[in-house]
C-alpha atoms as a PDB file:
ATOM      1  CA  MET A   1     -22.788 -14.168  26.077  1.00  0.00           C
ATOM      2  CA  GLY A   2     -21.405 -17.400  27.339  1.00  0.00           C
ATOM      3  CA  THR A   3     -21.573 -19.349  30.547  1.00  0.00           C
ATOM      4  CA  ASP A   4     -19.453 -18.582  33.612  1.00  0.00           C
ATOM      5  CA  HIS A   5     -16.541 -20.692  32.369  1.00  0.00           C
ATOM      6  CA  GLU A   6     -16.517 -18.827  29.014  1.00  0.00           C
ATOM      7  CA  ASP A   7     -15.167 -15.358  29.757  1.00  0.00           C
ATOM      8  CA  GLY A   8     -14.928 -14.026  26.179  1.00  0.00           C
ATOM      9  CA  THR A   9     -11.135 -13.820  26.129  1.00  0.00           C
ATOM     10  CA  THR A  10      -9.662 -12.889  22.752  1.00  0.00           C
ATOM     11  CA  GLU A  11      -5.939 -12.983  22.015  1.00  0.00           C
ATOM     12  CA  LEU A  12      -3.903 -11.602  19.137  1.00  0.00           C
ATOM     13  CA  ARG A  13      -0.353 -12.910  18.972  1.00  0.00           C
ATOM     14  CA  HIS A  14       2.576 -11.853  16.813  1.00  0.00           C
ATOM     15  CA  ALA A  15       6.242 -12.813  16.931  1.00  0.00           C
ATOM     16  CA  ASP A  16       6.955  -9.557  18.869  1.00  0.00           C
ATOM     17  CA  ILE A  17       3.751  -8.795  20.804  1.00  0.00           C
ATOM     18  CA  ALA A  18       0.653 -10.397  22.318  1.00  0.00           C
ATOM     19  CA  VAL A  19      -2.570  -8.523  23.095  1.00  0.00           C
ATOM     20  CA  ARG A  20      -5.221 -10.274  25.189  1.00  0.00           C
ATOM     21  CA  VAL A  21      -8.681  -8.816  25.847  1.00  0.00           C
ATOM     22  CA  VAL A  22     -10.711 -10.137  28.782  1.00  0.00           C
ATOM     23  CA  PRO A  23     -13.983  -8.171  28.797  1.00  0.00           C
ATOM     24  CA  ARG A  24     -15.066  -9.562  32.184  1.00  0.00           C
ATOM     25  CA  ASP A  25     -11.809  -8.949  34.051  1.00  0.00           C
ATOM     26  CA  PHE A  26     -11.814  -8.696  37.850  1.00  0.00           C
ATOM     27  CA  LEU A  27      -9.942  -5.384  37.962  1.00  0.00           C
ATOM     28  CA  PRO A  28     -11.418  -2.266  36.361  1.00  0.00           C
ATOM     29  CA  ASP A  29      -9.350  -0.599  33.615  1.00  0.00           C
ATOM     30  CA  SER A  30      -7.218  -3.711  33.102  1.00  0.00           C
ATOM     31  CA  GLU A  31      -9.239  -5.630  30.537  1.00  0.00           C
ATOM     32  CA  VAL A  32      -6.379  -5.503  28.019  1.00  0.00           C
ATOM     33  CA  SER A  33      -3.072  -7.278  28.644  1.00  0.00           C
ATOM     34  CA  ILE A  34      -0.065  -6.455  26.457  1.00  0.00           C
ATOM     35  CA  SER A  35       3.105  -8.543  26.478  1.00  0.00           C
ATOM     36  CA  ARG A  36       6.390  -8.605  24.627  1.00  0.00           C
ATOM     37  CA  CYS A  37       7.024 -11.816  22.739  1.00  0.00           C
ATOM     38  CA  ARG A  38      10.096 -13.497  21.389  1.00  0.00           C
ATOM     39  CA  ASP A  39       9.360 -15.882  18.546  1.00  0.00           C
ATOM     40  CA  GLY A  40       5.681 -15.834  19.540  1.00  0.00           C
ATOM     41  CA  GLN A  41       6.289 -16.764  23.208  1.00  0.00           C
ATOM     42  CA  GLU A  42       5.495 -14.206  25.923  1.00  0.00           C
ATOM     43  CA  ILE A  43       8.482 -12.845  27.838  1.00  0.00           C
ATOM     44  CA  GLY A  44       8.647 -10.414  30.726  1.00  0.00           C
ATOM     45  CA  THR A  45       5.785  -8.923  32.699  1.00  0.00           C
ATOM     46  CA  PRO A  46       2.469  -8.219  30.955  1.00  0.00           C
ATOM     47  CA  HIS A  47       1.146  -4.648  31.033  1.00  0.00           C
ATOM     48  CA  SER A  48      -2.517  -3.740  31.586  1.00  0.00           C
ATOM     49  CA  ALA A  49      -4.697  -1.150  29.879  1.00  0.00           C
ATOM     50  CA  PRO A  50      -8.381  -0.223  29.912  1.00  0.00           C
ATOM     51  CA  ILE A  51     -10.502  -1.614  27.102  1.00  0.00           C
ATOM     52  CA  SER A  52     -11.515   1.941  26.129  1.00  0.00           C
ATOM     53  CA  GLU A  53      -8.003   2.508  24.745  1.00  0.00           C
ATOM     54  CA  LEU A  54      -8.635  -0.037  21.998  1.00  0.00           C
ATOM     55  CA  LEU A  55     -11.202   2.392  20.577  1.00  0.00           C
ATOM     56  CA  ASP A  56      -8.683   5.249  20.492  1.00  0.00           C
ATOM     57  CA  VAL A  57      -5.980   4.095  18.062  1.00  0.00           C
ATOM     58  CA  ALA A  58      -3.601   6.966  18.841  1.00  0.00           C
ATOM     59  CA  ALA A  59      -3.826   6.372  22.613  1.00  0.00           C
ATOM     60  CA  PHE A  60      -3.302   2.629  22.181  1.00  0.00           C
ATOM     61  CA  GLN A  61      -0.298   3.254  19.908  1.00  0.00           C
ATOM     62  CA  ARG A  62       1.226   5.612  22.499  1.00  0.00           C
ATOM     63  CA  ARG A  63       0.717   3.041  25.263  1.00  0.00           C
ATOM     64  CA  LEU A  64       2.329   0.290  23.164  1.00  0.00           C
ATOM     65  CA  ALA A  65       5.293   2.495  22.298  1.00  0.00           C
ATOM     66  CA  GLY A  66       5.707   3.587  25.929  1.00  0.00           C
ATOM     67  CA  MET A  67       5.486   0.077  27.370  1.00  0.00           C
ATOM     68  CA  LEU A  68       7.246  -1.920  24.701  1.00  0.00           C
ATOM     69  CA  GLY A  69       9.694   0.564  23.212  1.00  0.00           C
ATOM     70  CA  ASP A  70      10.333   0.828  19.502  1.00  0.00           C
ATOM     71  CA  ILE A  71       9.309  -2.761  18.797  1.00  0.00           C
ATOM     72  CA  GLY A  72       7.477  -2.667  15.502  1.00  0.00           C
ATOM     73  CA  ALA A  73       7.362   1.157  15.494  1.00  0.00           C
ATOM     74  CA  VAL A  74       7.320   1.275  11.684  1.00  0.00           C
ATOM     75  CA  HIS A  75       4.318  -1.083  11.590  1.00  0.00           C
ATOM     76  CA  PHE A  76       2.446   0.912  14.286  1.00  0.00           C
ATOM     77  CA  ALA A  77       3.050   4.174  12.413  1.00  0.00           C
ATOM     78  CA  ALA A  78       1.844   2.668   9.139  1.00  0.00           C
ATOM     79  CA  ALA A  79      -1.344   1.401  10.805  1.00  0.00           C
ATOM     80  CA  ALA A  80      -2.222   4.846  12.165  1.00  0.00           C
END
């Protein structure tokens, strides 16, 4: 637990995708933000997901594939 200015945000960034988790988000079911990246820089509109999907690998993989297309599909399949 941190102070009010420390919200616990965690970000994972790859050349093709960025996933940001904000556990104390203002909107319910939108604690996870997923964005396409080009060369590590976010492009386009970020997509939101509930934090509960991070615990269900198959559901999270489906959401990524549906929102971001076949980007890294081989890597997602290998991780599952």
